[in-house]
Amino acid sequence: MVSLFLSRPGVGRQLGLREIPLSSVIPRKDQPRKYFSEASIMELAASIAERGLKQPVGVRPLPDGKYELIWGERRFRAITSLNWETIPAIVTEGLSEQDVIIDSLLENILREDLSAIETAMAFRTILERAEALGQPMTYDELGKKMGMSKSRVSQMLNIFNLPDDLLAEFCSARLEMNEIHSRALMMLKKFPEAQQLLFGEIKGRSLSGQQATERANALLQRLRPDTVTQTLDKQRSQLKRLRRKAVKASPEVRTRYQRELRTLMDELQQLLDALR
């Protein structure tokens, strides 16, 4: 893990691993992880007290002599609870805001500490700040920085396309839900009641992403109109367009329309007779 952040080419200037005063470290207000379990922090503190700190935190120096925490906030909180005077930290200077967010996000993703919504929020922050700086970033560029595909980035950000009430619950509840669950829910975007039903089943039955997708497909099979209905709806739309054109058509064109429509009427009558 440490080697990843010591070896990112062209990202800041590494000042190496140092012991710095714990009181001089300031956590970032917009770090990607939004939820911290107090119980897990206490468990981590107990582990550190017994075995020591296996991975340092990452910081960058500030003009006032303090340090801003880039990644490792769980470790920082655990060590703070132990009342240590110093903390091992990798110090990097010259980082842009975008680099800080990406470093923090990478560390959390590699440790699998972030929920899907936290990752999506961090992705959105990176893209919005890049846009504000006049350096817009594509999904493909973000994916390369994060070590994932463009489609995976798109899936993560599609979480924000959920209806407001589902998104609010997605954000507030500590649910085992990810971008696959979100995609399954979006499959039902034209059927709000079915979407709510699936969301309830995901929570109540702890459906995996694959199970949610299979359930969404099953619901769609029941809700979508059958092929005959879809075909007839298309034909009705075409007839409406033809009616508008016929009003402005010349006598010769109208005569041709009448001839073709009589042929169509004969074919429809044959179809009706076959269905009796």
C-alpha atoms as a PDB file:
ATOM      1  CA  MET A   1       0.000   0.000   0.000  1.00  0.00           C
ATOM      2  CA  VAL A   2       2.738   2.482   0.946  1.00  0.00           C
ATOM      3  CA  SER A   3       4.627   1.810  -2.289  1.00  0.00           C
ATOM      4  CA  LEU A   4       1.577   2.879  -4.300  1.00  0.00           C
ATOM      5  CA  PHE A   5       1.664   6.400  -2.883  1.00  0.00           C
ATOM      6  CA  LEU A   6       5.465   6.646  -2.869  1.00  0.00           C
ATOM      7  CA  SER A   7       5.645   5.785  -6.552  1.00  0.00           C
ATOM      8  CA  ARG A   8       2.928   7.770  -8.320  1.00  0.00           C
ATOM      9  CA  PRO A   9       4.954   9.514 -11.053  1.00  0.00           C
ATOM     10  CA  GLY A  10       4.506  13.240 -11.506  1.00  0.00           C
ATOM     11  CA  VAL A  11       2.255  13.650  -8.459  1.00  0.00           C
ATOM     12  CA  GLY A  12       3.736  16.082  -5.923  1.00  0.00           C
ATOM     13  CA  ARG A  13       7.191  15.800  -4.345  1.00  0.00           C
ATOM     14  CA  GLN A  14       7.713  13.090  -1.770  1.00  0.00           C
ATOM     15  CA  LEU A  15       9.440  14.198   1.436  1.00  0.00           C
ATOM     16  CA  GLY A  16       9.436  10.644   2.749  1.00  0.00           C
ATOM     17  CA  LEU A  17       8.206   8.917   5.871  1.00  0.00           C
ATOM     18  CA  ARG A  18       8.313  11.052   9.026  1.00  0.00           C
ATOM     19  CA  GLU A  19       7.134  11.067  12.615  1.00  0.00           C
ATOM     20  CA  ILE A  20       5.055  14.227  12.989  1.00  0.00           C
ATOM     21  CA  PRO A  21       3.190  15.648  15.999  1.00  0.00           C
ATOM     22  CA  LEU A  22      -0.341  14.274  16.131  1.00  0.00           C
ATOM     23  CA  SER A  23      -1.607  17.696  17.226  1.00  0.00           C
ATOM     24  CA  SER A  24      -0.362  19.219  13.969  1.00  0.00           C
ATOM     25  CA  VAL A  25      -2.501  16.969  11.727  1.00  0.00           C
ATOM     26  CA  ILE A  26      -5.803  18.390  10.450  1.00  0.00           C
ATOM     27  CA  PRO A  27      -8.361  16.035   8.818  1.00  0.00           C
ATOM     28  CA  ARG A  28      -9.858  17.102   5.478  1.00  0.00           C
ATOM     29  CA  LYS A  29     -13.462  18.260   5.614  1.00  0.00           C
ATOM     30  CA  ASP A  30     -14.341  16.701   2.249  1.00  0.00           C
ATOM     31  CA  GLN A  31     -12.549  13.393   2.506  1.00  0.00           C
ATOM     32  CA  PRO A  32     -14.403  10.682   0.514  1.00  0.00           C
ATOM     33  CA  ARG A  33     -15.414   8.490   3.429  1.00  0.00           C
ATOM     34  CA  LYS A  34     -18.491   9.939   5.160  1.00  0.00           C
ATOM     35  CA  TYR A  35     -19.309   7.199   7.639  1.00  0.00           C
ATOM     36  CA  PHE A  36     -17.051   5.937  10.441  1.00  0.00           C
ATOM     37  CA  SER A  37     -18.082   3.146  12.788  1.00  0.00           C
ATOM     38  CA  GLU A  38     -17.006   4.027  16.320  1.00  0.00           C
ATOM     39  CA  ALA A  39     -16.825   0.324  17.165  1.00  0.00           C
ATOM     40  CA  SER A  40     -14.478  -0.406  14.251  1.00  0.00           C
ATOM     41  CA  ILE A  41     -12.287   2.568  15.233  1.00  0.00           C
ATOM     42  CA  MET A  42     -11.983   1.149  18.755  1.00  0.00           C
ATOM     43  CA  GLU A  43     -11.133  -2.297  17.351  1.00  0.00           C
ATOM     44  CA  LEU A  44      -8.463  -0.755  15.137  1.00  0.00           C
ATOM     45  CA  ALA A  45      -7.066   1.214  18.107  1.00  0.00           C
ATOM     46  CA  ALA A  46      -6.798  -1.998  20.132  1.00  0.00           C
ATOM     47  CA  SER A  47      -4.977  -3.697  17.245  1.00  0.00           C
ATOM     48  CA  ILE A  48      -2.556  -0.775  16.843  1.00  0.00           C
ATOM     49  CA  ALA A  49      -1.888  -0.686  20.588  1.00  0.00           C
ATOM     50  CA  GLU A  50      -1.006  -4.379  20.514  1.00  0.00           C
ATOM     51  CA  ARG A  51       0.809  -4.732  17.177  1.00  0.00           C
ATOM     52  CA  GLY A  52       1.793  -1.192  16.223  1.00  0.00           C
ATOM     53  CA  LEU A  53       0.818   0.813  13.130  1.00  0.00           C
ATOM     54  CA  LYS A  54       1.430  -1.216   9.979  1.00  0.00           C
ATOM     55  CA  GLN A  55       0.608   1.516   7.466  1.00  0.00           C
ATOM     56  CA  PRO A  56       1.382   5.242   7.885  1.00  0.00           C
ATOM     57  CA  VAL A  57      -1.085   7.968   7.036  1.00  0.00           C
ATOM     58  CA  GLY A  58      -0.586  10.428   4.184  1.00  0.00           C
ATOM     59  CA  VAL A  59      -0.352  14.192   4.691  1.00  0.00           C
ATOM     60  CA  ARG A  60       0.669  17.377   2.901  1.00  0.00           C
ATOM     61  CA  PRO A  61       2.305  20.366   4.593  1.00  0.00           C
ATOM     62  CA  LEU A  62       0.295  23.574   5.076  1.00  0.00           C
ATOM     63  CA  PRO A  63       1.681  27.148   5.097  1.00  0.00           C
ATOM     64  CA  ASP A  64       1.086  27.506   8.856  1.00  0.00           C
ATOM     65  CA  GLY A  65       3.349  24.551   9.687  1.00  0.00           C
ATOM     66  CA  LYS A  66       0.532  22.081  10.198  1.00  0.00           C
ATOM     67  CA  TYR A  67      -0.319  19.092   7.992  1.00  0.00           C
ATOM     68  CA  GLU A  68      -3.517  18.223   6.147  1.00  0.00           C
ATOM     69  CA  LEU A  69      -4.531  14.563   6.282  1.00  0.00           C
ATOM     70  CA  ILE A  70      -4.897  13.102   2.774  1.00  0.00           C
ATOM     71  CA  TRP A  71      -5.595   9.456   3.545  1.00  0.00           C
ATOM     72  CA  GLY A  72      -5.705   7.174   6.573  1.00  0.00           C
ATOM     73  CA  GLU A  73      -8.392   8.874   8.662  1.00  0.00           C
ATOM     74  CA  ARG A  74      -9.462   5.640  10.377  1.00  0.00           C
ATOM     75  CA  ARG A  75      -5.877   5.130  11.550  1.00  0.00           C
ATOM     76  CA  PHE A  76      -5.648   8.789  12.547  1.00  0.00           C
ATOM     77  CA  ARG A  77      -8.821   8.526  14.642  1.00  0.00           C
ATOM     78  CA  ALA A  78      -7.648   5.287  16.238  1.00  0.00           C
ATOM     79  CA  ILE A  79      -4.258   6.752  17.156  1.00  0.00           C
ATOM     80  CA  THR A  80      -5.911   9.913  18.481  1.00  0.00           C
ATOM     81  CA  SER A  81      -7.945   7.722  20.849  1.00  0.00           C
ATOM     82  CA  LEU A  82      -4.668   6.184  22.069  1.00  0.00           C
ATOM     83  CA  ASN A  83      -3.264   9.657  22.916  1.00  0.00           C
ATOM     84  CA  TRP A  84      -0.053   9.156  20.966  1.00  0.00           C
ATOM     85  CA  GLU A  85       2.093  12.286  20.663  1.00  0.00           C
ATOM     86  CA  THR A  86       3.322  11.541  17.115  1.00  0.00           C
ATOM     87  CA  ILE A  87       2.104   9.597  14.090  1.00  0.00           C
ATOM     88  CA  PRO A  88       4.062   8.014  11.193  1.00  0.00           C
ATOM     89  CA  ALA A  89       3.152   9.839   7.987  1.00  0.00           C
ATOM     90  CA  ILE A  90       4.179   9.991   4.339  1.00  0.00           C
ATOM     91  CA  VAL A  91       4.618  13.700   3.619  1.00  0.00           C
ATOM     92  CA  THR A  92       4.052  14.963   0.068  1.00  0.00           C
ATOM     93  CA  GLU A  93       4.169  18.592  -1.020  1.00  0.00           C
ATOM     94  CA  GLY A  94       3.031  20.291  -4.218  1.00  0.00           C
ATOM     95  CA  LEU A  95      -0.180  18.313  -4.549  1.00  0.00           C
ATOM     96  CA  SER A  96      -3.110  19.842  -6.413  1.00  0.00           C
ATOM     97  CA  GLU A  97      -6.605  19.608  -4.926  1.00  0.00           C
ATOM     98  CA  GLN A  98      -7.437  17.052  -7.587  1.00  0.00           C
ATOM     99  CA  ASP A  99      -4.399  14.942  -6.638  1.00  0.00           C
ATOM    100  CA  VAL A 100      -5.388  15.075  -2.959  1.00  0.00           C
ATOM    101  CA  ILE A 101      -8.900  13.825  -3.689  1.00  0.00           C
ATOM    102  CA  ILE A 102      -7.630  11.082  -5.996  1.00  0.00           C
ATOM    103  CA  ASP A 103      -5.016   9.902  -3.464  1.00  0.00           C
ATOM    104  CA  SER A 104      -7.614   9.783  -0.718  1.00  0.00           C
ATOM    105  CA  LEU A 105     -10.078   7.984  -2.951  1.00  0.00           C
ATOM    106  CA  LEU A 106      -7.504   5.459  -4.156  1.00  0.00           C
ATOM    107  CA  GLU A 107      -6.467   4.531  -0.645  1.00  0.00           C
ATOM    108  CA  ASN A 108     -10.041   3.989   0.475  1.00  0.00           C
ATOM    109  CA  ILE A 109     -10.981   1.996  -2.629  1.00  0.00           C
ATOM    110  CA  LEU A 110      -7.930  -0.250  -2.318  1.00  0.00           C
ATOM    111  CA  ARG A 111      -8.883  -0.929   1.296  1.00  0.00           C
ATOM    112  CA  GLU A 112     -12.544  -1.391   0.260  1.00  0.00           C
ATOM    113  CA  ASP A 113     -13.534   1.138   2.931  1.00  0.00           C
ATOM    114  CA  LEU A 114     -15.935   3.203   0.814  1.00  0.00           C
ATOM    115  CA  SER A 115     -19.570   2.549   0.088  1.00  0.00           C
ATOM    116  CA  ALA A 116     -20.766   2.880  -3.510  1.00  0.00           C
ATOM    117  CA  ILE A 117     -22.409   6.239  -2.823  1.00  0.00           C
ATOM    118  CA  GLU A 118     -19.242   7.591  -1.158  1.00  0.00           C
ATOM    119  CA  THR A 119     -17.187   6.555  -4.194  1.00  0.00           C
ATOM    120  CA  ALA A 120     -19.742   8.104  -6.551  1.00  0.00           C
ATOM    121  CA  MET A 121     -19.724  11.359  -4.550  1.00  0.00           C
ATOM    122  CA  ALA A 122     -15.917  11.484  -4.699  1.00  0.00           C
ATOM    123  CA  PHE A 123     -15.979  10.872  -8.455  1.00  0.00           C
ATOM    124  CA  ARG A 124     -18.479  13.686  -8.913  1.00  0.00           C
ATOM    125  CA  THR A 125     -16.334  16.023  -6.798  1.00  0.00           C
ATOM    126  CA  ILE A 126     -13.261  15.287  -8.930  1.00  0.00           C
ATOM    127  CA  LEU A 127     -15.159  15.937 -12.166  1.00  0.00           C
ATOM    128  CA  GLU A 128     -16.793  19.138 -10.859  1.00  0.00           C
ATOM    129  CA  ARG A 129     -13.504  20.581  -9.587  1.00  0.00           C
ATOM    130  CA  ALA A 130     -11.720  19.717 -12.817  1.00  0.00           C
ATOM    131  CA  GLU A 131     -14.497  21.540 -14.681  1.00  0.00           C
ATOM    132  CA  ALA A 132     -14.216  24.564 -12.348  1.00  0.00           C
ATOM    133  CA  LEU A 133     -10.471  24.712 -12.980  1.00  0.00           C
ATOM    134  CA  GLY A 134     -11.054  24.799 -16.726  1.00  0.00           C
ATOM    135  CA  GLN A 135      -9.558  21.310 -17.094  1.00  0.00           C
ATOM    136  CA  PRO A 136     -12.603  19.104 -17.706  1.00  0.00           C
ATOM    137  CA  MET A 137     -11.990  15.393 -17.254  1.00  0.00           C
ATOM    138  CA  THR A 138     -13.707  12.615 -19.182  1.00  0.00           C
ATOM    139  CA  TYR A 139     -14.957   9.375 -17.608  1.00  0.00           C
ATOM    140  CA  ASP A 140     -12.170   7.577 -19.463  1.00  0.00           C
ATOM    141  CA  GLU A 141      -9.483   9.878 -17.991  1.00  0.00           C
ATOM    142  CA  LEU A 142     -10.915   9.511 -14.484  1.00  0.00           C
ATOM    143  CA  GLY A 143     -11.082   5.745 -14.923  1.00  0.00           C
ATOM    144  CA  LYS A 144      -7.410   5.578 -15.890  1.00  0.00           C
ATOM    145  CA  LYS A 145      -6.431   7.571 -12.795  1.00  0.00           C
ATOM    146  CA  MET A 146      -8.506   5.266 -10.606  1.00  0.00           C
ATOM    147  CA  GLY A 147      -7.431   2.049 -12.299  1.00  0.00           C
ATOM    148  CA  MET A 148     -10.903   1.136 -13.523  1.00  0.00           C
ATOM    149  CA  SER A 149     -12.812   1.133 -16.803  1.00  0.00           C
ATOM    150  CA  LYS A 150     -14.824   4.021 -18.232  1.00  0.00           C
ATOM    151  CA  SER A 151     -17.989   1.899 -17.958  1.00  0.00           C
ATOM    152  CA  ARG A 152     -17.354   1.280 -14.251  1.00  0.00           C
ATOM    153  CA  VAL A 153     -17.014   5.029 -13.648  1.00  0.00           C
ATOM    154  CA  SER A 154     -20.263   5.572 -15.555  1.00  0.00           C
ATOM    155  CA  GLN A 155     -22.012   2.913 -13.459  1.00  0.00           C
ATOM    156  CA  MET A 156     -20.859   4.561 -10.241  1.00  0.00           C
ATOM    157  CA  LEU A 157     -22.108   7.989 -11.312  1.00  0.00           C
ATOM    158  CA  ASN A 158     -25.438   6.552 -12.499  1.00  0.00           C
ATOM    159  CA  ILE A 159     -26.321   6.190  -8.824  1.00  0.00           C
ATOM    160  CA  PHE A 160     -27.256   9.889  -8.945  1.00  0.00           C
ATOM    161  CA  ASN A 161     -29.943   9.120 -11.544  1.00  0.00           C
ATOM    162  CA  LEU A 162     -32.018   7.333  -8.915  1.00  0.00           C
ATOM    163  CA  PRO A 163     -35.225   9.103  -7.788  1.00  0.00           C
ATOM    164  CA  ASP A 164     -34.597  11.575  -4.966  1.00  0.00           C
ATOM    165  CA  ASP A 165     -36.297   9.480  -2.288  1.00  0.00           C
ATOM    166  CA  LEU A 166     -34.316   6.337  -3.152  1.00  0.00           C
ATOM    167  CA  LEU A 167     -31.082   8.304  -3.453  1.00  0.00           C
ATOM    168  CA  ALA A 168     -31.621   9.886  -0.035  1.00  0.00           C
ATOM    169  CA  GLU A 169     -32.081   6.461   1.543  1.00  0.00           C
ATOM    170  CA  PHE A 170     -29.169   5.092  -0.469  1.00  0.00           C
ATOM    171  CA  CYS A 171     -27.015   7.869   1.028  1.00  0.00           C
ATOM    172  CA  SER A 172     -28.270   7.867   4.598  1.00  0.00           C
ATOM    173  CA  ALA A 173     -28.541   4.155   5.293  1.00  0.00           C
ATOM    174  CA  ARG A 174     -25.453   2.043   5.796  1.00  0.00           C
ATOM    175  CA  LEU A 175     -26.683  -0.541   3.314  1.00  0.00           C
ATOM    176  CA  GLU A 176     -24.645  -3.180   1.525  1.00  0.00           C
ATOM    177  CA  MET A 177     -25.571  -1.671  -1.828  1.00  0.00           C
ATOM    178  CA  ASN A 178     -23.383  -0.886  -4.807  1.00  0.00           C
ATOM    179  CA  GLU A 179     -23.528   0.379  -8.373  1.00  0.00           C
ATOM    180  CA  ILE A 180     -24.964  -2.963  -9.571  1.00  0.00           C
ATOM    181  CA  HIS A 181     -27.961  -2.478  -7.265  1.00  0.00           C
ATOM    182  CA  SER A 182     -28.319   1.042  -8.643  1.00  0.00           C
ATOM    183  CA  ARG A 183     -28.268  -0.227 -12.227  1.00  0.00           C
ATOM    184  CA  ALA A 184     -30.921  -2.832 -11.396  1.00  0.00           C
ATOM    185  CA  LEU A 185     -33.138  -0.100  -9.917  1.00  0.00           C
ATOM    186  CA  MET A 186     -32.609   2.131 -12.960  1.00  0.00           C
ATOM    187  CA  MET A 187     -33.864  -0.694 -15.192  1.00  0.00           C
ATOM    188  CA  LEU A 188     -37.267   0.013 -13.618  1.00  0.00           C
ATOM    189  CA  LYS A 189     -37.169   3.821 -13.960  1.00  0.00           C
ATOM    190  CA  LYS A 190     -40.393   3.808 -16.034  1.00  0.00           C
ATOM    191  CA  PHE A 191     -42.180   1.812 -13.340  1.00  0.00           C
ATOM    192  CA  PRO A 192     -41.873   3.713  -9.996  1.00  0.00           C
ATOM    193  CA  GLU A 193     -43.974   1.243  -8.002  1.00  0.00           C
ATOM    194  CA  ALA A 194     -41.876  -1.711  -9.167  1.00  0.00           C
ATOM    195  CA  GLN A 195     -38.731   0.309  -8.437  1.00  0.00           C
ATOM    196  CA  GLN A 196     -39.879   0.871  -4.861  1.00  0.00           C
ATOM    197  CA  LEU A 197     -40.777  -2.811  -4.569  1.00  0.00           C
ATOM    198  CA  LEU A 198     -37.301  -3.887  -5.704  1.00  0.00           C
ATOM    199  CA  PHE A 199     -35.612  -1.397  -3.357  1.00  0.00           C
ATOM    200  CA  GLY A 200     -37.589  -2.837  -0.451  1.00  0.00           C
ATOM    201  CA  GLU A 201     -36.605  -6.371  -1.454  1.00  0.00           C
ATOM    202  CA  ILE A 202     -32.916  -5.395  -1.727  1.00  0.00           C
ATOM    203  CA  LYS A 203     -33.041  -4.076   1.840  1.00  0.00           C
ATOM    204  CA  GLY A 204     -35.340  -6.694   3.339  1.00  0.00           C
ATOM    205  CA  ARG A 205     -33.842  -9.759   1.695  1.00  0.00           C
ATOM    206  CA  SER A 206     -30.244  -8.479   1.355  1.00  0.00           C
ATOM    207  CA  LEU A 207     -30.220  -9.199  -2.370  1.00  0.00           C
ATOM    208  CA  SER A 208     -26.829  -9.197  -4.066  1.00  0.00           C
ATOM    209  CA  GLY A 209     -26.302  -6.994  -7.121  1.00  0.00           C
ATOM    210  CA  GLN A 210     -26.761  -9.997  -9.428  1.00  0.00           C
ATOM    211  CA  GLN A 211     -29.917 -11.100  -7.619  1.00  0.00           C
ATOM    212  CA  ALA A 212     -31.325  -7.553  -7.847  1.00  0.00           C
ATOM    213  CA  THR A 213     -30.631  -7.507 -11.590  1.00  0.00           C
ATOM    214  CA  GLU A 214     -32.361 -10.858 -12.082  1.00  0.00           C
ATOM    215  CA  ARG A 215     -35.338  -9.639 -10.053  1.00  0.00           C
ATOM    216  CA  ALA A 216     -35.513  -6.415 -12.108  1.00  0.00           C
ATOM    217  CA  ASN A 217     -35.567  -8.457 -15.329  1.00  0.00           C
ATOM    218  CA  ALA A 218     -38.369 -10.626 -13.946  1.00  0.00           C
ATOM    219  CA  LEU A 219     -40.414  -7.560 -13.027  1.00  0.00           C
ATOM    220  CA  LEU A 220     -39.844  -6.050 -16.475  1.00  0.00           C
ATOM    221  CA  GLN A 221     -41.143  -9.194 -18.152  1.00  0.00           C
ATOM    222  CA  ARG A 222     -44.406  -8.752 -16.252  1.00  0.00           C
ATOM    223  CA  LEU A 223     -44.686  -5.009 -16.764  1.00  0.00           C
ATOM    224  CA  ARG A 224     -43.663  -4.488 -20.367  1.00  0.00           C
ATOM    225  CA  PRO A 225     -46.422  -4.673 -22.999  1.00  0.00           C
ATOM    226  CA  ASP A 226     -46.254  -7.794 -25.167  1.00  0.00           C
ATOM    227  CA  THR A 227     -44.789  -7.745 -28.662  1.00  0.00           C
ATOM    228  CA  VAL A 228     -48.180  -7.516 -30.429  1.00  0.00           C
ATOM    229  CA  THR A 229     -49.171  -4.451 -28.385  1.00  0.00           C
ATOM    230  CA  GLN A 230     -45.825  -2.771 -29.106  1.00  0.00           C
ATOM    231  CA  THR A 231     -46.190  -3.471 -32.840  1.00  0.00           C
ATOM    232  CA  LEU A 232     -49.737  -2.083 -32.940  1.00  0.00           C
ATOM    233  CA  ASP A 233     -48.676   1.035 -31.028  1.00  0.00           C
ATOM    234  CA  LYS A 234     -45.982   1.700 -33.639  1.00  0.00           C
ATOM    235  CA  GLN A 235     -48.504   1.221 -36.455  1.00  0.00           C
ATOM    236  CA  ARG A 236     -50.940   3.638 -34.826  1.00  0.00           C
ATOM    237  CA  SER A 237     -48.194   6.265 -34.612  1.00  0.00           C
ATOM    238  CA  GLN A 238     -47.360   5.770 -38.284  1.00  0.00           C
ATOM    239  CA  LEU A 239     -51.040   6.084 -39.268  1.00  0.00           C
ATOM    240  CA  LYS A 240     -51.313   9.370 -37.362  1.00  0.00           C
ATOM    241  CA  ARG A 241     -48.325  10.752 -39.270  1.00  0.00           C
ATOM    242  CA  LEU A 242     -49.821   9.511 -42.540  1.00  0.00           C
ATOM    243  CA  ARG A 243     -53.128  11.237 -41.745  1.00  0.00           C
ATOM    244  CA  ARG A 244     -51.349  14.583 -41.271  1.00  0.00           C
ATOM    245  CA  LYS A 245     -49.493  14.175 -44.552  1.00  0.00           C
ATOM    246  CA  ALA A 246     -52.660  13.118 -46.412  1.00  0.00           C
ATOM    247  CA  VAL A 247     -54.397  16.417 -45.614  1.00  0.00           C
ATOM    248  CA  LYS A 248     -51.764  18.297 -47.626  1.00  0.00           C
ATOM    249  CA  ALA A 249     -51.289  15.653 -50.336  1.00  0.00           C
ATOM    250  CA  SER A 250     -52.131  16.162 -53.987  1.00  0.00           C
ATOM    251  CA  PRO A 251     -55.152  14.320 -55.526  1.00  0.00           C
ATOM    252  CA  GLU A 252     -52.801  11.818 -57.222  1.00  0.00           C
ATOM    253  CA  VAL A 253     -51.050  10.986 -53.928  1.00  0.00           C
ATOM    254  CA  ARG A 254     -54.394  10.654 -52.120  1.00  0.00           C
ATOM    255  CA  THR A 255     -55.571   8.170 -54.726  1.00  0.00           C
ATOM    256  CA  ARG A 256     -52.412   6.089 -54.166  1.00  0.00           C
ATOM    257  CA  TYR A 257     -52.947   6.239 -50.387  1.00  0.00           C
ATOM    258  CA  GLN A 258     -56.543   5.011 -50.821  1.00  0.00           C
ATOM    259  CA  ARG A 259     -55.431   2.079 -52.964  1.00  0.00           C
ATOM    260  CA  GLU A 260     -52.702   0.994 -50.517  1.00  0.00           C
ATOM    261  CA  LEU A 261     -54.975   1.407 -47.483  1.00  0.00           C
ATOM    262  CA  ARG A 262     -57.689  -0.769 -49.069  1.00  0.00           C
ATOM    263  CA  THR A 263     -55.054  -3.476 -49.565  1.00  0.00           C
ATOM    264  CA  LEU A 264     -54.037  -3.075 -45.915  1.00  0.00           C
ATOM    265  CA  MET A 265     -57.687  -3.305 -44.808  1.00  0.00           C
ATOM    266  CA  ASP A 266     -58.040  -6.571 -46.707  1.00  0.00           C
ATOM    267  CA  GLU A 267     -54.929  -7.971 -44.990  1.00  0.00           C
ATOM    268  CA  LEU A 268     -56.186  -6.865 -41.556  1.00  0.00           C
ATOM    269  CA  GLN A 269     -59.525  -8.540 -42.214  1.00  0.00           C
ATOM    270  CA  GLN A 270     -57.731 -11.768 -43.106  1.00  0.00           C
ATOM    271  CA  LEU A 271     -55.777 -11.523 -39.839  1.00  0.00           C
ATOM    272  CA  LEU A 272     -58.999 -10.998 -37.848  1.00  0.00           C
ATOM    273  CA  ASP A 273     -60.600 -13.972 -39.542  1.00  0.00           C
ATOM    274  CA  ALA A 274     -57.593 -16.133 -38.652  1.00  0.00           C
ATOM    275  CA  LEU A 275     -57.880 -15.145 -34.986  1.00  0.00           C
ATOM    276  CA  ARG A 276     -61.541 -16.212 -34.688  1.00  0.00           C
END
